[in-house]
Amino acid sequence: MKLLEDRIRRDGKIKGGDVLKVDSFLNHQMDIRLFGEIGAEFKRRFADVPVSKILTIEASGIGIACIVAQYFDVPVVFAKKNKTKNIAGDAYTTQVESFTHGKTYDIMVSREFLGKGDQVLLIDDFLANGKALEGLARLVRESGAQLAGAGVVIEKGFQPGGDNLRRQGIRLESLAIVDYMDEKTGTIVFRGENP
C-alpha cells in the first residue's frame, strides 16, 4: 500500500533494536483518515471470505480494528491483557510474548463474545515475531470459531513472525512489509524494492 509506505518513510523513526516508531500516526496519535484507507484496503483484500467479527489485542490494535470493522459492518472484540472481575474465569485465555515490551502477557476473551459460528479476522498494527497473532489464533481455535485470516498494517519482513504464520497456514495480508531498515542512514526498504 503505497500511501502507507510513503507515510512510514516520511514520519517513521528507526530506533536501535529493530524498532520502527510510527506513533505519530499509527499507534499513539492516530491518523483516522489514513485508518480509513487501511480499513478499505483490508476490506478489499478479504472480500472473498466471510467475516462476522474482528479480533485484536489491546491496546494499539483497537483503533485500527474499529475502523476496519466499519468496512465489514461487524463488531470488534479485543483480547484483554489484565483480568477483570466481570470476565475472570469465564474466558478463553492464552499467553503471548510482546516484542515491543519484552514481556509475556496472559490475554483473555470472554466466552460470551467468541464462539462457534463466528468467522474471525485478526487485525493488528505490527507483526515482528508473530506471538500476538499466534495467541489470538489459539483463542479462535479454542472457541470453536473459524479463522478467516489476519491483517497487519506493518510487517517486519526481516523478523520471523510473518513466515511462521504463513507456514502454519494462516492467511496473512500485510499492507507494508519492511525488509530492511538502517538507523544511521534512516533507510527503509519495503518488500519488492531494491536496497
C-alpha atoms as a PDB file:
ATOM      1  CA  MET A   1       0.000   0.000   0.000  1.00  0.00           C
ATOM      2  CA  LYS A   2       1.966   2.937  -1.344  1.00  0.00           C
ATOM      3  CA  LEU A   3       0.163   5.579   0.738  1.00  0.00           C
ATOM      4  CA  LEU A   4       1.195   3.765   3.912  1.00  0.00           C
ATOM      5  CA  GLU A   5       4.774   3.154   2.746  1.00  0.00           C
ATOM      6  CA  ASP A   6       5.158   6.851   1.923  1.00  0.00           C
ATOM      7  CA  ARG A   7       3.859   7.807   5.362  1.00  0.00           C
ATOM      8  CA  ILE A   8       6.238   5.372   7.084  1.00  0.00           C
ATOM      9  CA  ARG A   9       9.178   6.856   5.156  1.00  0.00           C
ATOM     10  CA  ARG A  10       8.119  10.409   5.949  1.00  0.00           C
ATOM     11  CA  ASP A  11       7.138  10.097   9.619  1.00  0.00           C
ATOM     12  CA  GLY A  12       8.569   6.789  10.862  1.00  0.00           C
ATOM     13  CA  LYS A  13      11.633   6.793  13.096  1.00  0.00           C
ATOM     14  CA  ILE A  14      14.093   3.909  13.275  1.00  0.00           C
ATOM     15  CA  LYS A  15      15.425   3.162  16.752  1.00  0.00           C
ATOM     16  CA  GLY A  16      18.016   0.674  17.991  1.00  0.00           C
ATOM     17  CA  GLY A  17      16.932  -2.925  18.430  1.00  0.00           C
ATOM     18  CA  ASP A  18      14.970  -3.064  15.167  1.00  0.00           C
ATOM     19  CA  VAL A  19      12.251  -0.721  16.431  1.00  0.00           C
ATOM     20  CA  LEU A  20      10.246   1.327  13.934  1.00  0.00           C
ATOM     21  CA  LYS A  21       8.385   4.126  15.696  1.00  0.00           C
ATOM     22  CA  VAL A  22       5.198   5.156  13.939  1.00  0.00           C
ATOM     23  CA  ASP A  23       3.499   6.585  16.988  1.00  0.00           C
ATOM     24  CA  SER A  24       2.883   9.964  15.332  1.00  0.00           C
ATOM     25  CA  PHE A  25       0.226   8.436  13.053  1.00  0.00           C
ATOM     26  CA  LEU A  26      -0.480   4.774  13.888  1.00  0.00           C
ATOM     27  CA  ASN A  27      -0.250   3.617  17.485  1.00  0.00           C
ATOM     28  CA  HIS A  28      -0.189   6.618  19.825  1.00  0.00           C
ATOM     29  CA  GLN A  29      -1.513   9.550  17.834  1.00  0.00           C
ATOM     30  CA  MET A  30      -3.844   8.115  15.201  1.00  0.00           C
ATOM     31  CA  ASP A  31      -4.453   9.485  11.713  1.00  0.00           C
ATOM     32  CA  ILE A  32      -8.084   8.496  11.226  1.00  0.00           C
ATOM     33  CA  ARG A  33      -8.110   9.437   7.545  1.00  0.00           C
ATOM     34  CA  LEU A  34      -5.194   7.028   6.989  1.00  0.00           C
ATOM     35  CA  PHE A  35      -7.046   4.430   9.093  1.00  0.00           C
ATOM     36  CA  GLY A  36      -9.980   4.800   6.698  1.00  0.00           C
ATOM     37  CA  GLU A  37      -7.707   3.923   3.769  1.00  0.00           C
ATOM     38  CA  ILE A  38      -6.320   0.986   5.763  1.00  0.00           C
ATOM     39  CA  GLY A  39      -9.840  -0.250   6.518  1.00  0.00           C
ATOM     40  CA  ALA A  40     -10.853  -0.028   2.861  1.00  0.00           C
ATOM     41  CA  GLU A  41      -7.727  -1.953   1.821  1.00  0.00           C
ATOM     42  CA  PHE A  42      -8.336  -4.767   4.316  1.00  0.00           C
ATOM     43  CA  LYS A  43     -11.954  -4.974   3.117  1.00  0.00           C
ATOM     44  CA  ARG A  44     -10.698  -5.270  -0.464  1.00  0.00           C
ATOM     45  CA  ARG A  45      -8.130  -7.939   0.416  1.00  0.00           C
ATOM     46  CA  PHE A  46     -10.549 -10.052   2.478  1.00  0.00           C
ATOM     47  CA  ALA A  47     -13.639  -9.515   0.292  1.00  0.00           C
ATOM     48  CA  ASP A  48     -13.636 -13.202  -0.675  1.00  0.00           C
ATOM     49  CA  VAL A  49     -14.102 -14.585   2.868  1.00  0.00           C
ATOM     50  CA  PRO A  50     -16.977 -14.262   5.320  1.00  0.00           C
ATOM     51  CA  VAL A  51     -16.138 -12.171   8.403  1.00  0.00           C
ATOM     52  CA  SER A  52     -18.502 -11.848  11.373  1.00  0.00           C
ATOM     53  CA  LYS A  53     -16.056 -10.457  13.964  1.00  0.00           C
ATOM     54  CA  ILE A  54     -12.780  -8.592  14.122  1.00  0.00           C
ATOM     55  CA  LEU A  55     -10.407  -9.709  16.899  1.00  0.00           C
ATOM     56  CA  THR A  56      -7.408  -7.715  18.093  1.00  0.00           C
ATOM     57  CA  ILE A  57      -5.308  -7.349  21.217  1.00  0.00           C
ATOM     58  CA  GLU A  58      -5.181  -4.308  23.468  1.00  0.00           C
ATOM     59  CA  ALA A  59      -4.137  -1.618  23.110  1.00  0.00           C
ATOM     60  CA  SER A  60      -2.527  -0.468  19.836  1.00  0.00           C
ATOM     61  CA  GLY A  61      -4.679  -2.615  17.584  1.00  0.00           C
ATOM     62  CA  ILE A  62      -8.035  -1.399  18.882  1.00  0.00           C
ATOM     63  CA  GLY A  63      -8.268   1.866  16.940  1.00  0.00           C
ATOM     64  CA  ILE A  64      -7.322   0.215  13.663  1.00  0.00           C
ATOM     65  CA  ALA A  65      -9.654  -2.727  14.290  1.00  0.00           C
ATOM     66  CA  CYS A  66     -12.581  -0.369  14.930  1.00  0.00           C
ATOM     67  CA  ILE A  67     -12.130   1.402  11.603  1.00  0.00           C
ATOM     68  CA  VAL A  68     -11.658  -1.917   9.759  1.00  0.00           C
ATOM     69  CA  ALA A  69     -14.837  -3.243  11.406  1.00  0.00           C
ATOM     70  CA  GLN A  70     -16.834  -0.361   9.932  1.00  0.00           C
ATOM     71  CA  TYR A  71     -15.976  -1.614   6.447  1.00  0.00           C
ATOM     72  CA  PHE A  72     -17.084  -5.149   7.307  1.00  0.00           C
ATOM     73  CA  ASP A  73     -20.064  -3.929   9.384  1.00  0.00           C
ATOM     74  CA  VAL A  74     -19.158  -6.311  12.218  1.00  0.00           C
ATOM     75  CA  PRO A  75     -18.263  -5.924  15.906  1.00  0.00           C
ATOM     76  CA  VAL A  76     -14.747  -5.707  17.307  1.00  0.00           C
ATOM     77  CA  VAL A  77     -13.608  -7.927  20.169  1.00  0.00           C
ATOM     78  CA  PHE A  78     -10.285  -7.235  21.828  1.00  0.00           C
ATOM     79  CA  ALA A  79      -8.248  -9.610  23.953  1.00  0.00           C
ATOM     80  CA  LYS A  80      -7.561  -8.077  27.345  1.00  0.00           C
ATOM     81  CA  LYS A  81      -4.156  -8.264  28.999  1.00  0.00           C
ATOM     82  CA  ASN A  82      -5.481  -7.866  32.518  1.00  0.00           C
ATOM     83  CA  LYS A  83      -8.044  -9.887  34.413  1.00  0.00           C
ATOM     84  CA  THR A  84     -11.212  -8.070  35.293  1.00  0.00           C
ATOM     85  CA  LYS A  85     -13.914  -9.116  37.737  1.00  0.00           C
ATOM     86  CA  ASN A  86     -16.565  -9.327  35.061  1.00  0.00           C
ATOM     87  CA  ILE A  87     -14.782 -11.919  32.866  1.00  0.00           C
ATOM     88  CA  ALA A  88     -12.355 -13.701  35.205  1.00  0.00           C
ATOM     89  CA  GLY A  89     -12.881 -17.462  34.950  1.00  0.00           C
ATOM     90  CA  ASP A  90     -15.341 -17.301  32.058  1.00  0.00           C
ATOM     91  CA  ALA A  91     -12.858 -16.601  29.298  1.00  0.00           C
ATOM     92  CA  TYR A  92     -10.576 -18.179  26.743  1.00  0.00           C
ATOM     93  CA  THR A  93      -7.000 -17.471  27.817  1.00  0.00           C
ATOM     94  CA  THR A  94      -3.503 -17.914  26.452  1.00  0.00           C
ATOM     95  CA  GLN A  95      -0.065 -16.345  26.825  1.00  0.00           C
ATOM     96  CA  VAL A  96       1.661 -14.070  24.342  1.00  0.00           C
ATOM     97  CA  GLU A  97       5.094 -12.524  24.257  1.00  0.00           C
ATOM     98  CA  SER A  98       5.366  -8.867  23.237  1.00  0.00           C
ATOM     99  CA  PHE A  99       8.397  -7.948  21.114  1.00  0.00           C
ATOM    100  CA  THR A 100       7.897  -4.242  21.825  1.00  0.00           C
ATOM    101  CA  HIS A 101       7.544  -4.569  25.584  1.00  0.00           C
ATOM    102  CA  GLY A 102       9.775  -7.606  26.126  1.00  0.00           C
ATOM    103  CA  LYS A 103       7.123  -9.158  28.380  1.00  0.00           C
ATOM    104  CA  THR A 104       4.800 -12.135  28.402  1.00  0.00           C
ATOM    105  CA  TYR A 105       1.116 -11.434  28.939  1.00  0.00           C
ATOM    106  CA  ASP A 106      -1.899 -13.561  29.748  1.00  0.00           C
ATOM    107  CA  ILE A 107      -4.577 -12.500  27.291  1.00  0.00           C
ATOM    108  CA  MET A 108      -8.252 -13.318  27.523  1.00  0.00           C
ATOM    109  CA  VAL A 109     -11.519 -13.014  25.652  1.00  0.00           C
ATOM    110  CA  SER A 110     -14.898 -13.571  27.263  1.00  0.00           C
ATOM    111  CA  ARG A 111     -16.614 -16.750  26.075  1.00  0.00           C
ATOM    112  CA  GLU A 112     -19.689 -14.598  25.527  1.00  0.00           C
ATOM    113  CA  PHE A 113     -18.106 -12.791  22.578  1.00  0.00           C
ATOM    114  CA  LEU A 114     -16.296 -15.557  20.670  1.00  0.00           C
ATOM    115  CA  GLY A 115     -17.556 -18.982  19.708  1.00  0.00           C
ATOM    116  CA  LYS A 116     -18.799 -21.497  17.160  1.00  0.00           C
ATOM    117  CA  GLY A 117     -20.284 -19.911  14.090  1.00  0.00           C
ATOM    118  CA  ASP A 118     -18.017 -16.851  14.229  1.00  0.00           C
ATOM    119  CA  GLN A 119     -15.795 -16.087  11.235  1.00  0.00           C
ATOM    120  CA  VAL A 120     -12.926 -14.119  12.767  1.00  0.00           C
ATOM    121  CA  LEU A 121     -10.486 -11.730  11.108  1.00  0.00           C
ATOM    122  CA  LEU A 122      -7.463 -10.834  13.223  1.00  0.00           C
ATOM    123  CA  ILE A 123      -6.217  -7.238  12.918  1.00  0.00           C
ATOM    124  CA  ASP A 124      -3.058  -5.748  14.435  1.00  0.00           C
ATOM    125  CA  ASP A 125      -0.776  -2.780  13.920  1.00  0.00           C
ATOM    126  CA  PHE A 126       2.614  -4.552  13.846  1.00  0.00           C
ATOM    127  CA  LEU A 127       3.996  -8.002  13.156  1.00  0.00           C
ATOM    128  CA  ALA A 128       7.529  -8.806  14.336  1.00  0.00           C
ATOM    129  CA  ASN A 129       7.874 -12.249  15.902  1.00  0.00           C
ATOM    130  CA  GLY A 130       4.179 -13.049  15.460  1.00  0.00           C
ATOM    131  CA  LYS A 131       3.450 -14.083  19.032  1.00  0.00           C
ATOM    132  CA  ALA A 132       0.419 -11.804  19.457  1.00  0.00           C
ATOM    133  CA  LEU A 133      -1.256 -13.124  16.308  1.00  0.00           C
ATOM    134  CA  GLU A 134      -0.369 -16.717  17.218  1.00  0.00           C
ATOM    135  CA  GLY A 135      -2.027 -16.170  20.607  1.00  0.00           C
ATOM    136  CA  LEU A 136      -5.135 -14.671  19.035  1.00  0.00           C
ATOM    137  CA  ALA A 137      -5.325 -17.593  16.589  1.00  0.00           C
ATOM    138  CA  ARG A 138      -5.157 -20.004  19.564  1.00  0.00           C
ATOM    139  CA  LEU A 139      -8.085 -18.216  21.192  1.00  0.00           C
ATOM    140  CA  VAL A 140     -10.087 -18.519  17.951  1.00  0.00           C
ATOM    141  CA  ARG A 141      -9.346 -22.253  17.711  1.00  0.00           C
ATOM    142  CA  GLU A 142     -10.163 -22.819  21.396  1.00  0.00           C
ATOM    143  CA  SER A 143     -13.510 -21.052  20.965  1.00  0.00           C
ATOM    144  CA  GLY A 144     -14.532 -23.238  18.020  1.00  0.00           C
ATOM    145  CA  ALA A 145     -14.752 -20.205  15.709  1.00  0.00           C
ATOM    146  CA  GLN A 146     -13.247 -20.158  12.209  1.00  0.00           C
ATOM    147  CA  LEU A 147     -10.180 -18.056  11.419  1.00  0.00           C
ATOM    148  CA  ALA A 148     -10.781 -16.017   8.256  1.00  0.00           C
ATOM    149  CA  GLY A 149      -7.244 -14.627   8.243  1.00  0.00           C
ATOM    150  CA  ALA A 150      -5.004 -11.967   9.737  1.00  0.00           C
ATOM    151  CA  GLY A 151      -4.452  -8.398   8.602  1.00  0.00           C
ATOM    152  CA  VAL A 152      -1.401  -6.448   9.714  1.00  0.00           C
ATOM    153  CA  VAL A 153      -0.636  -2.823   8.975  1.00  0.00           C
ATOM    154  CA  ILE A 154       3.183  -3.141   9.150  1.00  0.00           C
ATOM    155  CA  GLU A 155       5.136  -6.404   8.992  1.00  0.00           C
ATOM    156  CA  LYS A 156       8.848  -6.537   9.724  1.00  0.00           C
ATOM    157  CA  GLY A 157       9.849  -8.943   6.980  1.00  0.00           C
ATOM    158  CA  PHE A 158      13.336  -9.357   8.442  1.00  0.00           C
ATOM    159  CA  GLN A 159      11.854 -10.938  11.583  1.00  0.00           C
ATOM    160  CA  PRO A 160      10.346 -14.442  11.608  1.00  0.00           C
ATOM    161  CA  GLY A 161       6.701 -13.760  12.521  1.00  0.00           C
ATOM    162  CA  GLY A 162       5.175 -13.454   9.061  1.00  0.00           C
ATOM    163  CA  ASP A 163       6.933 -16.512   7.659  1.00  0.00           C
ATOM    164  CA  ASN A 164       5.965 -18.567  10.733  1.00  0.00           C
ATOM    165  CA  LEU A 165       2.290 -17.616  10.457  1.00  0.00           C
ATOM    166  CA  ARG A 166       2.208 -18.373   6.733  1.00  0.00           C
ATOM    167  CA  ARG A 167       3.845 -21.788   7.375  1.00  0.00           C
ATOM    168  CA  GLN A 168       1.031 -22.508   9.854  1.00  0.00           C
ATOM    169  CA  GLY A 169      -1.455 -21.982   7.028  1.00  0.00           C
ATOM    170  CA  ILE A 170      -2.791 -18.650   8.302  1.00  0.00           C
ATOM    171  CA  ARG A 171      -3.809 -16.305   5.523  1.00  0.00           C
ATOM    172  CA  LEU A 172      -1.808 -13.165   6.247  1.00  0.00           C
ATOM    173  CA  GLU A 173      -2.240  -9.827   4.492  1.00  0.00           C
ATOM    174  CA  SER A 174       0.319  -7.155   5.409  1.00  0.00           C
ATOM    175  CA  LEU A 175      -0.165  -3.667   3.997  1.00  0.00           C
ATOM    176  CA  ALA A 176       3.521  -2.711   4.260  1.00  0.00           C
ATOM    177  CA  ILE A 177       6.373  -5.197   4.653  1.00  0.00           C
ATOM    178  CA  VAL A 178       9.656  -3.664   5.800  1.00  0.00           C
ATOM    179  CA  ASP A 179      12.536  -5.883   4.652  1.00  0.00           C
ATOM    180  CA  TYR A 180      15.373  -3.622   5.791  1.00  0.00           C
ATOM    181  CA  MET A 181      15.922  -0.531   7.896  1.00  0.00           C
ATOM    182  CA  ASP A 182      19.039   1.333   8.949  1.00  0.00           C
ATOM    183  CA  GLU A 183      19.003   3.680  11.932  1.00  0.00           C
ATOM    184  CA  LYS A 184      22.172   5.533  10.866  1.00  0.00           C
ATOM    185  CA  THR A 185      21.009   6.414   7.362  1.00  0.00           C
ATOM    186  CA  GLY A 186      17.252   6.392   8.006  1.00  0.00           C
ATOM    187  CA  THR A 187      16.851   3.980   5.085  1.00  0.00           C
ATOM    188  CA  ILE A 188      13.703   1.848   4.923  1.00  0.00           C
ATOM    189  CA  VAL A 189      13.323  -0.775   2.195  1.00  0.00           C
ATOM    190  CA  PHE A 190       9.926  -2.356   1.551  1.00  0.00           C
ATOM    191  CA  ARG A 191       9.260  -5.769   0.017  1.00  0.00           C
ATOM    192  CA  GLY A 192       9.749  -5.655  -3.724  1.00  0.00           C
ATOM    193  CA  GLU A 193      12.170  -2.719  -3.670  1.00  0.00           C
ATOM    194  CA  ASN A 194      15.905  -2.835  -4.287  1.00  0.00           C
ATOM    195  CA  PRO A 195      18.062  -1.665  -1.334  1.00  0.00           C
END
